[in-house]
C-alpha cells in the first residue's frame, strides 16, 4: 500500500469537505417566504445540490470526512423539515394542503408525533403519496395501521437529540426511498410495455 497515496486521498477528502460548504450555505440562505412557490423551488434545488455534494464525500472513505458528511446530510433534512413548518404558506392553501404539497417534493416525511395536528396532516399526505416516514415518537400510538400504509422508521430518545436520531437513521430511510423509486420505475416500465403492446395491436 502506498502511504503517499493514502495521504493524498486524505487531503483531497478534507479539501472537498471545505469546498462543499458554499452549497450548504446557499441552501440555508433561502427563506420560505412569499412568493412561496418560487422560493420553495429554489430551496428544493439547492437542497438537492447540497445533498449530492455531501453524498459524494462518503466515497472518499475517510473516517472523519464521512462522519462530517453524514452529519451535514442529516442536518439538511432536519433544517428543511423545520423550514417547511415555519414557512409563510400561500394564501390559497390551508396548512394541511401546504404540508401535502411540500411532502410531495421530499424523499421522505419527517414527523414529530407530539403535535396535535399530526394525525390529520399525515393521513392527508399518505392518502395521496406513499412516502417513507421517519417518525420521532411512537407512530403506532396514533396510527396502529401506519405500517400497512407505508414504510416507517422510528427515532427513539430525547427530543434534544432529534438531529442525532436523524443522522443515525439516515442510511436506512435513504434505502427505503431508493426501494420506492425502484418499485415506481418497475411499475411505470410495466405500464409502458402494456401500452406499447396495446398500441401495436391496433
C-alpha atoms as a PDB file:
ATOM      1  CA  UNK A   1       0.000   0.000   0.000  1.00  0.00           C
ATOM      2  CA  UNK A   2       1.291   3.434  -0.930  1.00  0.00           C
ATOM      3  CA  UNK A   3       1.284   5.715   2.150  1.00  0.00           C
ATOM      4  CA  UNK A   4       1.661   8.754  -0.083  1.00  0.00           C
ATOM      5  CA  UNK A   5      -1.452   7.719  -1.985  1.00  0.00           C
ATOM      6  CA  UNK A   6      -3.415   7.489   1.270  1.00  0.00           C
ATOM      7  CA  UNK A   7      -2.094  10.905   2.313  1.00  0.00           C
ATOM      8  CA  UNK A   8      -3.190  12.474  -0.984  1.00  0.00           C
ATOM      9  CA  UNK A   9      -6.641  10.867  -0.741  1.00  0.00           C
ATOM     10  CA  UNK A  10      -6.975  12.174   2.820  1.00  0.00           C
ATOM     11  CA  UNK A  11      -6.034  15.692   1.761  1.00  0.00           C
ATOM     12  CA  UNK A  12      -8.402  15.537  -1.213  1.00  0.00           C
ATOM     13  CA  UNK A  13     -11.277  14.419   1.025  1.00  0.00           C
ATOM     14  CA  UNK A  14     -10.724  17.246   3.505  1.00  0.00           C
ATOM     15  CA  UNK A  15     -10.380  19.769   0.692  1.00  0.00           C
ATOM     16  CA  UNK A  16     -13.664  18.533  -0.818  1.00  0.00           C
ATOM     17  CA  UNK A  17     -15.336  18.897   2.587  1.00  0.00           C
ATOM     18  CA  UNK A  18     -14.290  22.559   2.747  1.00  0.00           C
ATOM     19  CA  UNK A  19     -15.366  23.142  -0.860  1.00  0.00           C
ATOM     20  CA  UNK A  20     -18.803  21.674  -0.047  1.00  0.00           C
ATOM     21  CA  UNK A  21     -19.603  24.453   2.431  1.00  0.00           C
ATOM     22  CA  UNK A  22     -20.859  27.015  -0.142  1.00  0.00           C
ATOM     23  CA  UNK A  23     -23.578  24.587  -1.319  1.00  0.00           C
ATOM     24  CA  UNK A  24     -24.763  24.223   2.276  1.00  0.00           C
ATOM     25  CA  UNK A  25     -24.678  27.986   2.898  1.00  0.00           C
ATOM     26  CA  UNK A  26     -26.609  28.631  -0.334  1.00  0.00           C
ATOM     27  CA  UNK A  27     -29.300  26.169   0.815  1.00  0.00           C
ATOM     28  CA  UNK A  28     -29.594  27.777   4.265  1.00  0.00           C
ATOM     29  CA  UNK A  29     -29.855  31.288   2.831  1.00  0.00           C
ATOM     30  CA  UNK A  30     -33.175  30.686   1.051  1.00  0.00           C
ATOM     31  CA  UNK A  31     -36.137  31.578   3.257  1.00  0.00           C
ATOM     32  CA  UNK A  32     -39.565  30.111   2.568  1.00  0.00           C
ATOM     33  CA  UNK A  33     -41.409  33.396   2.356  1.00  0.00           C
ATOM     34  CA  UNK A  34     -43.651  34.840  -0.337  1.00  0.00           C
ATOM     35  CA  UNK A  35     -43.512  34.319  -3.265  1.00  0.00           C
ATOM     36  CA  UNK A  36     -43.667  30.864  -1.709  1.00  0.00           C
ATOM     37  CA  UNK A  37     -43.536  28.646  -4.805  1.00  0.00           C
ATOM     38  CA  UNK A  38     -40.557  30.480  -6.275  1.00  0.00           C
ATOM     39  CA  UNK A  39     -38.582  30.306  -3.025  1.00  0.00           C
ATOM     40  CA  UNK A  40     -39.597  26.676  -2.421  1.00  0.00           C
ATOM     41  CA  UNK A  41     -38.363  25.697  -5.898  1.00  0.00           C
ATOM     42  CA  UNK A  42     -35.043  27.481  -5.293  1.00  0.00           C
ATOM     43  CA  UNK A  43     -34.584  25.934  -1.847  1.00  0.00           C
ATOM     44  CA  UNK A  44     -35.503  22.475  -3.149  1.00  0.00           C
ATOM     45  CA  UNK A  45     -32.933  22.735  -5.968  1.00  0.00           C
ATOM     46  CA  UNK A  46     -30.253  23.945  -3.576  1.00  0.00           C
ATOM     47  CA  UNK A  47     -31.101  21.161  -1.151  1.00  0.00           C
ATOM     48  CA  UNK A  48     -30.649  18.551  -3.889  1.00  0.00           C
ATOM     49  CA  UNK A  49     -27.332  20.155  -4.868  1.00  0.00           C
ATOM     50  CA  UNK A  50     -26.094  20.122  -1.260  1.00  0.00           C
ATOM     51  CA  UNK A  51     -27.227  16.514  -0.746  1.00  0.00           C
ATOM     52  CA  UNK A  52     -25.447  15.448  -3.938  1.00  0.00           C
ATOM     53  CA  UNK A  53     -22.271  17.278  -2.885  1.00  0.00           C
ATOM     54  CA  UNK A  54     -22.128  15.776   0.612  1.00  0.00           C
ATOM     55  CA  UNK A  55     -23.151  12.296  -0.570  1.00  0.00           C
ATOM     56  CA  UNK A  56     -20.095  12.216  -2.845  1.00  0.00           C
ATOM     57  CA  UNK A  57     -17.821  12.888   0.134  1.00  0.00           C
ATOM     58  CA  UNK A  58     -18.687   9.466   1.556  1.00  0.00           C
ATOM     59  CA  UNK A  59     -16.993   7.864  -1.483  1.00  0.00           C
ATOM     60  CA  UNK A  60     -13.592   9.075  -0.244  1.00  0.00           C
ATOM     61  CA  UNK A  61     -13.898   6.582   2.649  1.00  0.00           C
ATOM     62  CA  UNK A  62     -12.024   8.876   5.044  1.00  0.00           C
ATOM     63  CA  UNK A  63     -13.464   8.396   8.540  1.00  0.00           C
ATOM     64  CA  UNK A  64     -13.846  11.926   9.856  1.00  0.00           C
ATOM     65  CA  UNK A  65     -14.926  13.249   6.441  1.00  0.00           C
ATOM     66  CA  UNK A  66     -17.598  10.549   6.160  1.00  0.00           C
ATOM     67  CA  UNK A  67     -18.815  11.363   9.685  1.00  0.00           C
ATOM     68  CA  UNK A  68     -18.969  15.091   8.882  1.00  0.00           C
ATOM     69  CA  UNK A  69     -20.768  14.465   5.590  1.00  0.00           C
ATOM     70  CA  UNK A  70     -23.331  12.199   7.258  1.00  0.00           C
ATOM     71  CA  UNK A  71     -23.928  14.799   9.953  1.00  0.00           C
ATOM     72  CA  UNK A  72     -24.479  17.555   7.387  1.00  0.00           C
ATOM     73  CA  UNK A  73     -26.861  15.351   5.376  1.00  0.00           C
ATOM     74  CA  UNK A  74     -28.960  14.767   8.489  1.00  0.00           C
ATOM     75  CA  UNK A  75     -28.785  18.480   9.264  1.00  0.00           C
ATOM     76  CA  UNK A  76     -30.026  19.344   5.745  1.00  0.00           C
ATOM     77  CA  UNK A  77     -33.128  17.162   6.106  1.00  0.00           C
ATOM     78  CA  UNK A  78     -33.750  18.456   9.617  1.00  0.00           C
ATOM     79  CA  UNK A  79     -33.397  22.088   8.523  1.00  0.00           C
ATOM     80  CA  UNK A  80     -35.682  21.580   5.516  1.00  0.00           C
ATOM     81  CA  UNK A  81     -38.448  19.996   7.602  1.00  0.00           C
ATOM     82  CA  UNK A  82     -38.241  22.844  10.145  1.00  0.00           C
ATOM     83  CA  UNK A  83     -38.157  25.479   7.401  1.00  0.00           C
ATOM     84  CA  UNK A  84     -41.304  23.994   5.863  1.00  0.00           C
ATOM     85  CA  UNK A  85     -43.124  24.087   9.181  1.00  0.00           C
ATOM     86  CA  UNK A  86     -42.083  27.712   9.804  1.00  0.00           C
ATOM     87  CA  UNK A  87     -42.740  28.917   6.257  1.00  0.00           C
ATOM     88  CA  UNK A  88     -45.208  31.537   5.073  1.00  0.00           C
ATOM     89  CA  UNK A  89     -47.814  29.384   3.398  1.00  0.00           C
ATOM     90  CA  UNK A  90     -49.607  30.543   0.226  1.00  0.00           C
ATOM     91  CA  UNK A  91     -52.870  32.402   0.831  1.00  0.00           C
ATOM     92  CA  UNK A  92     -54.844  29.922  -1.265  1.00  0.00           C
ATOM     93  CA  UNK A  93     -53.677  26.820   0.664  1.00  0.00           C
ATOM     94  CA  UNK A  94     -54.595  25.571   4.114  1.00  0.00           C
ATOM     95  CA  UNK A  95     -51.859  24.335   6.467  1.00  0.00           C
ATOM     96  CA  UNK A  96     -52.634  20.681   5.628  1.00  0.00           C
ATOM     97  CA  UNK A  97     -52.652  21.390   1.865  1.00  0.00           C
ATOM     98  CA  UNK A  98     -49.294  23.151   2.229  1.00  0.00           C
ATOM     99  CA  UNK A  99     -47.817  20.210   4.155  1.00  0.00           C
ATOM    100  CA  UNK A 100     -49.035  17.751   1.489  1.00  0.00           C
ATOM    101  CA  UNK A 101     -47.567  19.908  -1.298  1.00  0.00           C
ATOM    102  CA  UNK A 102     -44.200  20.146   0.434  1.00  0.00           C
ATOM    103  CA  UNK A 103     -44.137  16.443   1.287  1.00  0.00           C
ATOM    104  CA  UNK A 104     -44.522  15.702  -2.412  1.00  0.00           C
ATOM    105  CA  UNK A 105     -41.164  17.396  -3.028  1.00  0.00           C
ATOM    106  CA  UNK A 106     -39.362  15.383  -0.348  1.00  0.00           C
ATOM    107  CA  UNK A 107     -37.698  11.977  -0.394  1.00  0.00           C
ATOM    108  CA  UNK A 108     -39.391  11.078   2.882  1.00  0.00           C
ATOM    109  CA  UNK A 109     -41.533  12.660   5.581  1.00  0.00           C
ATOM    110  CA  UNK A 110     -40.066  13.614   8.970  1.00  0.00           C
ATOM    111  CA  UNK A 111     -42.817  13.600  11.607  1.00  0.00           C
ATOM    112  CA  UNK A 112     -42.779  14.799  15.212  1.00  0.00           C
ATOM    113  CA  UNK A 113     -45.738  12.882  16.606  1.00  0.00           C
ATOM    114  CA  UNK A 114     -46.166  15.188  19.582  1.00  0.00           C
ATOM    115  CA  UNK A 115     -48.099  17.765  17.507  1.00  0.00           C
ATOM    116  CA  UNK A 116     -51.900  17.847  17.869  1.00  0.00           C
ATOM    117  CA  UNK A 117     -52.421  18.359  14.103  1.00  0.00           C
ATOM    118  CA  UNK A 118     -50.127  15.497  13.071  1.00  0.00           C
ATOM    119  CA  UNK A 119     -52.822  12.809  12.555  1.00  0.00           C
ATOM    120  CA  UNK A 120     -54.771  14.891  10.019  1.00  0.00           C
ATOM    121  CA  UNK A 121     -51.641  16.054   8.201  1.00  0.00           C
ATOM    122  CA  UNK A 122     -50.028  12.610   7.991  1.00  0.00           C
ATOM    123  CA  UNK A 123     -53.233  10.905   6.859  1.00  0.00           C
ATOM    124  CA  UNK A 124     -53.662  13.617   4.199  1.00  0.00           C
ATOM    125  CA  UNK A 125     -50.109  13.022   2.943  1.00  0.00           C
ATOM    126  CA  UNK A 126     -50.360   9.223   2.888  1.00  0.00           C
ATOM    127  CA  UNK A 127     -53.733   9.436   1.216  1.00  0.00           C
ATOM    128  CA  UNK A 128     -52.038  10.959  -1.835  1.00  0.00           C
ATOM    129  CA  UNK A 129     -48.383   9.927  -1.781  1.00  0.00           C
ATOM    130  CA  UNK A 130     -46.766   6.877  -0.206  1.00  0.00           C
ATOM    131  CA  UNK A 131     -43.536   8.382   1.101  1.00  0.00           C
ATOM    132  CA  UNK A 132     -41.407   6.630   3.769  1.00  0.00           C
ATOM    133  CA  UNK A 133     -41.938   8.136   7.222  1.00  0.00           C
ATOM    134  CA  UNK A 134     -39.183   8.992   9.710  1.00  0.00           C
ATOM    135  CA  UNK A 135     -41.116   9.334  12.966  1.00  0.00           C
ATOM    136  CA  UNK A 136     -39.970  10.829  16.251  1.00  0.00           C
ATOM    137  CA  UNK A 137     -42.086   9.218  18.954  1.00  0.00           C
ATOM    138  CA  UNK A 138     -44.318   6.147  18.870  1.00  0.00           C
ATOM    139  CA  UNK A 139     -46.121   6.114  15.491  1.00  0.00           C
ATOM    140  CA  UNK A 140     -48.314   3.188  16.398  1.00  0.00           C
ATOM    141  CA  UNK A 141     -49.773   5.000  19.401  1.00  0.00           C
ATOM    142  CA  UNK A 142     -51.563   7.277  16.923  1.00  0.00           C
ATOM    143  CA  UNK A 143     -51.652   5.085  13.812  1.00  0.00           C
ATOM    144  CA  UNK A 144     -51.992   1.335  14.547  1.00  0.00           C
ATOM    145  CA  UNK A 145     -52.160   0.596  10.799  1.00  0.00           C
ATOM    146  CA  UNK A 146     -49.406   3.004   9.711  1.00  0.00           C
ATOM    147  CA  UNK A 147     -47.011   0.216   8.725  1.00  0.00           C
ATOM    148  CA  UNK A 148     -49.670  -1.108   6.317  1.00  0.00           C
ATOM    149  CA  UNK A 149     -49.712   2.246   4.505  1.00  0.00           C
ATOM    150  CA  UNK A 150     -46.002   2.986   4.190  1.00  0.00           C
ATOM    151  CA  UNK A 151     -42.502   2.205   5.470  1.00  0.00           C
ATOM    152  CA  UNK A 152     -41.824   3.610   8.938  1.00  0.00           C
ATOM    153  CA  UNK A 153     -38.502   4.250  10.676  1.00  0.00           C
ATOM    154  CA  UNK A 154     -38.751   5.357  14.309  1.00  0.00           C
ATOM    155  CA  UNK A 155     -36.322   7.647  16.144  1.00  0.00           C
ATOM    156  CA  UNK A 156     -36.076   6.893  19.858  1.00  0.00           C
ATOM    157  CA  UNK A 157     -34.593   9.028  22.597  1.00  0.00           C
ATOM    158  CA  UNK A 158     -34.979  12.555  23.995  1.00  0.00           C
ATOM    159  CA  UNK A 159     -36.268  15.363  21.785  1.00  0.00           C
ATOM    160  CA  UNK A 160     -32.994  17.236  22.302  1.00  0.00           C
ATOM    161  CA  UNK A 161     -31.224  14.502  20.299  1.00  0.00           C
ATOM    162  CA  UNK A 162     -33.608  14.604  17.317  1.00  0.00           C
ATOM    163  CA  UNK A 163     -30.843  15.656  14.915  1.00  0.00           C
ATOM    164  CA  UNK A 164     -28.628  12.816  16.143  1.00  0.00           C
ATOM    165  CA  UNK A 165     -31.518  10.397  15.608  1.00  0.00           C
ATOM    166  CA  UNK A 166     -31.998  11.571  12.029  1.00  0.00           C
ATOM    167  CA  UNK A 167     -28.258  11.164  11.399  1.00  0.00           C
ATOM    168  CA  UNK A 168     -28.331   7.622  12.790  1.00  0.00           C
ATOM    169  CA  UNK A 169     -31.355   6.562  10.714  1.00  0.00           C
ATOM    170  CA  UNK A 170     -30.410   8.425   7.532  1.00  0.00           C
ATOM    171  CA  UNK A 171     -28.954   5.480   5.606  1.00  0.00           C
ATOM    172  CA  UNK A 172     -31.975   3.322   6.478  1.00  0.00           C
ATOM    173  CA  UNK A 173     -34.539   5.893   5.330  1.00  0.00           C
ATOM    174  CA  UNK A 174     -32.493   6.652   2.192  1.00  0.00           C
ATOM    175  CA  UNK A 175     -32.573   2.928   1.430  1.00  0.00           C
ATOM    176  CA  UNK A 176     -36.368   2.901   1.724  1.00  0.00           C
ATOM    177  CA  UNK A 177     -36.545   5.878  -0.635  1.00  0.00           C
ATOM    178  CA  UNK A 178     -34.358   4.031  -3.171  1.00  0.00           C
ATOM    179  CA  UNK A 179     -36.574   0.948  -2.909  1.00  0.00           C
ATOM    180  CA  UNK A 180     -39.644   3.095  -3.526  1.00  0.00           C
ATOM    181  CA  UNK A 181     -38.062   4.650  -6.632  1.00  0.00           C
ATOM    182  CA  UNK A 182     -37.220   1.181  -7.985  1.00  0.00           C
ATOM    183  CA  UNK A 183     -40.785  -0.009  -7.377  1.00  0.00           C
ATOM    184  CA  UNK A 184     -42.195   3.029  -9.174  1.00  0.00           C
ATOM    185  CA  UNK A 185     -39.756   2.533 -12.068  1.00  0.00           C
ATOM    186  CA  UNK A 186     -40.821  -1.114 -12.448  1.00  0.00           C
ATOM    187  CA  UNK A 187     -44.491  -0.143 -12.285  1.00  0.00           C
ATOM    188  CA  UNK A 188     -44.171   2.538 -14.959  1.00  0.00           C
ATOM    189  CA  UNK A 189     -41.991   0.295 -17.155  1.00  0.00           C
ATOM    190  CA  UNK A 190     -44.648  -2.407 -16.950  1.00  0.00           C
ATOM    191  CA  UNK A 191     -47.386   0.133 -17.763  1.00  0.00           C
ATOM    192  CA  UNK A 192     -45.404   1.454 -20.751  1.00  0.00           C
ATOM    193  CA  UNK A 193     -44.881  -2.085 -22.047  1.00  0.00           C
ATOM    194  CA  UNK A 194     -48.598  -2.789 -21.842  1.00  0.00           C
ATOM    195  CA  UNK A 195     -49.370   0.479 -23.625  1.00  0.00           C
ATOM    196  CA  UNK A 196     -46.893  -0.301 -26.429  1.00  0.00           C
ATOM    197  CA  UNK A 197     -48.361  -3.781 -26.870  1.00  0.00           C
ATOM    198  CA  UNK A 198     -51.853  -2.320 -26.954  1.00  0.00           C
ATOM    199  CA  UNK A 199     -50.883   0.381 -29.458  1.00  0.00           C
ATOM    200  CA  UNK A 200     -49.074  -2.080 -31.725  1.00  0.00           C
ATOM    201  CA  UNK A 201     -52.148  -4.311 -31.809  1.00  0.00           C
ATOM    202  CA  UNK A 202     -54.385  -1.504 -33.029  1.00  0.00           C
END
